[in-house]
């Protein structure tokens, strides 16, 4: 039997779980752990690359990110059609830049999904 490494992390696309020696995590759990608030100034370079996706308030950021990671095209298209998600545009950048707004963000490579706080 081969000895396992101390931390063996692999994302298996078949069942979308992350394996570690500590346990098995659902992708959405992992995304939740990787979600954080970040200042707009740190996101501007991603905006310039065209990879910022705005998730409207009231829409579950983690579930949306999970749809991206799982390559759930049908759900992503539906959310887009309903106006729940969209590419960030210049109006967003102009609104977020002056106060260096803090946004919730999570990476679902190659995308960076952001959501403004409801407060």
Protein backbone atom coordinates (compact mmCIF):
# COMPACT_ATOMS: atom_id res chain seq x y z
CA UNK A 1 0.00 0.00 0.00
CA UNK A 2 1.36 3.41 -0.92
CA UNK A 3 1.83 5.87 1.89
CA UNK A 4 -0.35 8.97 1.41
CA UNK A 5 1.10 12.45 1.60
CA UNK A 6 0.24 14.54 4.64
CA UNK A 7 -2.08 16.74 2.61
CA UNK A 8 -3.42 15.16 -0.56
CA UNK A 9 -5.78 17.70 -2.10
CA UNK A 10 -7.32 16.97 -5.45
CA UNK A 11 -10.47 18.32 -6.98
CA UNK A 12 -12.25 15.42 -8.59
CA UNK A 13 -14.57 16.71 -11.26
CA UNK A 14 -16.55 13.45 -11.30
CA UNK A 15 -18.05 14.02 -7.87
CA UNK A 16 -16.82 17.57 -7.16
CA UNK A 17 -15.31 16.91 -3.76
CA UNK A 18 -11.96 17.95 -2.37
CA UNK A 19 -10.11 15.09 -0.68
CA UNK A 20 -7.77 15.70 2.20
CA UNK A 21 -6.36 13.43 4.87
CA UNK A 22 -8.60 15.27 7.31
CA UNK A 23 -11.83 14.53 5.45
CA UNK A 24 -13.92 15.11 2.35
CA UNK A 25 -15.41 18.51 1.64
CA UNK A 26 -18.22 19.38 -0.72
CA UNK A 27 -17.20 21.95 -3.34
CA UNK A 28 -19.71 24.44 -1.97
CA UNK A 29 -18.24 24.03 1.51
CA UNK A 30 -14.78 24.65 0.06
CA UNK A 31 -16.03 27.73 -1.81
CA UNK A 32 -17.56 29.01 1.41
CA UNK A 33 -14.18 28.69 3.12
CA UNK A 34 -12.53 30.58 0.24
CA UNK A 35 -15.06 33.44 0.20
CA UNK A 36 -13.90 36.74 1.70
CA UNK A 37 -14.42 40.47 1.62
CA UNK A 38 -11.99 42.27 -0.65
CA UNK A 39 -11.50 45.90 -1.60
CA UNK A 40 -12.35 47.03 -5.11
CA UNK A 41 -8.77 48.23 -5.62
CA UNK A 42 -7.65 44.58 -5.33
CA UNK A 43 -10.24 43.50 -7.90
CA UNK A 44 -9.60 46.18 -10.55
CA UNK A 45 -7.01 44.11 -12.41
CA UNK A 46 -9.53 41.27 -12.71
CA UNK A 47 -12.10 43.76 -13.98
CA UNK A 48 -9.60 44.85 -16.63
CA UNK A 49 -9.32 41.19 -17.72
CA UNK A 50 -13.12 40.96 -17.99
CA UNK A 51 -13.50 38.16 -15.46
CA UNK A 52 -15.60 39.83 -12.76
CA UNK A 53 -19.13 38.44 -12.47
CA UNK A 54 -21.60 40.41 -10.34
CA UNK A 55 -24.01 38.32 -8.30
CA UNK A 56 -27.08 40.36 -7.38
CA UNK A 57 -28.00 40.85 -3.75
CA UNK A 58 -30.40 38.22 -2.48
CA UNK A 59 -28.80 35.56 -4.68
CA UNK A 60 -26.65 32.93 -2.94
CA UNK A 61 -23.05 33.74 -3.91
CA UNK A 62 -21.77 30.29 -2.92
CA UNK A 63 -24.44 28.39 -4.87
CA UNK A 64 -23.76 30.52 -7.94
CA UNK A 65 -20.01 29.90 -7.63
CA UNK A 66 -20.77 26.19 -7.29
CA UNK A 67 -22.68 26.31 -10.57
CA UNK A 68 -19.63 27.82 -12.26
CA UNK A 69 -17.24 25.25 -10.74
CA UNK A 70 -19.58 22.39 -11.64
CA UNK A 71 -19.87 23.79 -15.19
CA UNK A 72 -23.65 23.87 -14.82
CA UNK A 73 -24.27 25.80 -18.03
CA UNK A 74 -28.06 25.53 -17.76
CA UNK A 75 -28.16 27.16 -14.32
CA UNK A 76 -25.65 29.86 -15.28
CA UNK A 77 -27.68 30.70 -18.40
CA UNK A 78 -30.90 30.82 -16.38
CA UNK A 79 -29.35 33.10 -13.74
CA UNK A 80 -28.05 35.36 -16.51
CA UNK A 81 -31.45 35.47 -18.23
CA UNK A 82 -33.13 36.33 -14.92
CA UNK A 83 -30.63 39.14 -14.31
CA UNK A 84 -29.26 37.47 -11.18
CA UNK A 85 -25.69 37.45 -12.54
CA UNK A 86 -23.88 39.57 -15.11
CA UNK A 87 -20.45 40.78 -16.13
CA UNK A 88 -19.27 43.82 -14.18
CA UNK A 89 -19.40 46.94 -16.32
CA UNK A 90 -17.95 50.45 -16.24
CA UNK A 91 -20.90 51.72 -14.19
CA UNK A 92 -20.02 49.21 -11.47
CA UNK A 93 -16.36 50.25 -11.55
CA UNK A 94 -17.29 53.95 -11.33
CA UNK A 95 -19.58 53.25 -8.37
CA UNK A 96 -17.08 51.06 -6.49
CA UNK A 97 -13.86 53.00 -7.12
CA UNK A 98 -14.37 56.27 -5.18
CA UNK A 99 -14.92 54.63 -1.78
CA UNK A 100 -12.80 51.56 -2.56
CA UNK A 101 -15.87 49.48 -1.78
CA UNK A 102 -15.46 46.17 0.01
CA UNK A 103 -17.18 43.28 -1.82
CA UNK A 104 -17.73 39.64 -1.03
CA UNK A 105 -15.67 37.64 -3.53
CA UNK A 106 -14.96 34.05 -4.45
CA UNK A 107 -12.93 32.59 -7.29
CA UNK A 108 -14.51 30.06 -9.63
CA UNK A 109 -11.61 30.05 -12.09
CA UNK A 110 -11.30 31.75 -14.42
CA UNK A 111 -14.08 33.91 -12.98
CA UNK A 112 -14.15 36.09 -9.87
CA UNK A 113 -17.67 36.37 -8.53
CA UNK A 114 -18.48 39.42 -6.41
CA UNK A 115 -21.45 40.59 -4.42
CA UNK A 116 -22.08 43.83 -2.65
CA UNK A 117 -23.27 43.61 0.96
CA UNK A 118 -26.97 44.13 1.50
CA UNK A 119 -26.32 46.80 4.13
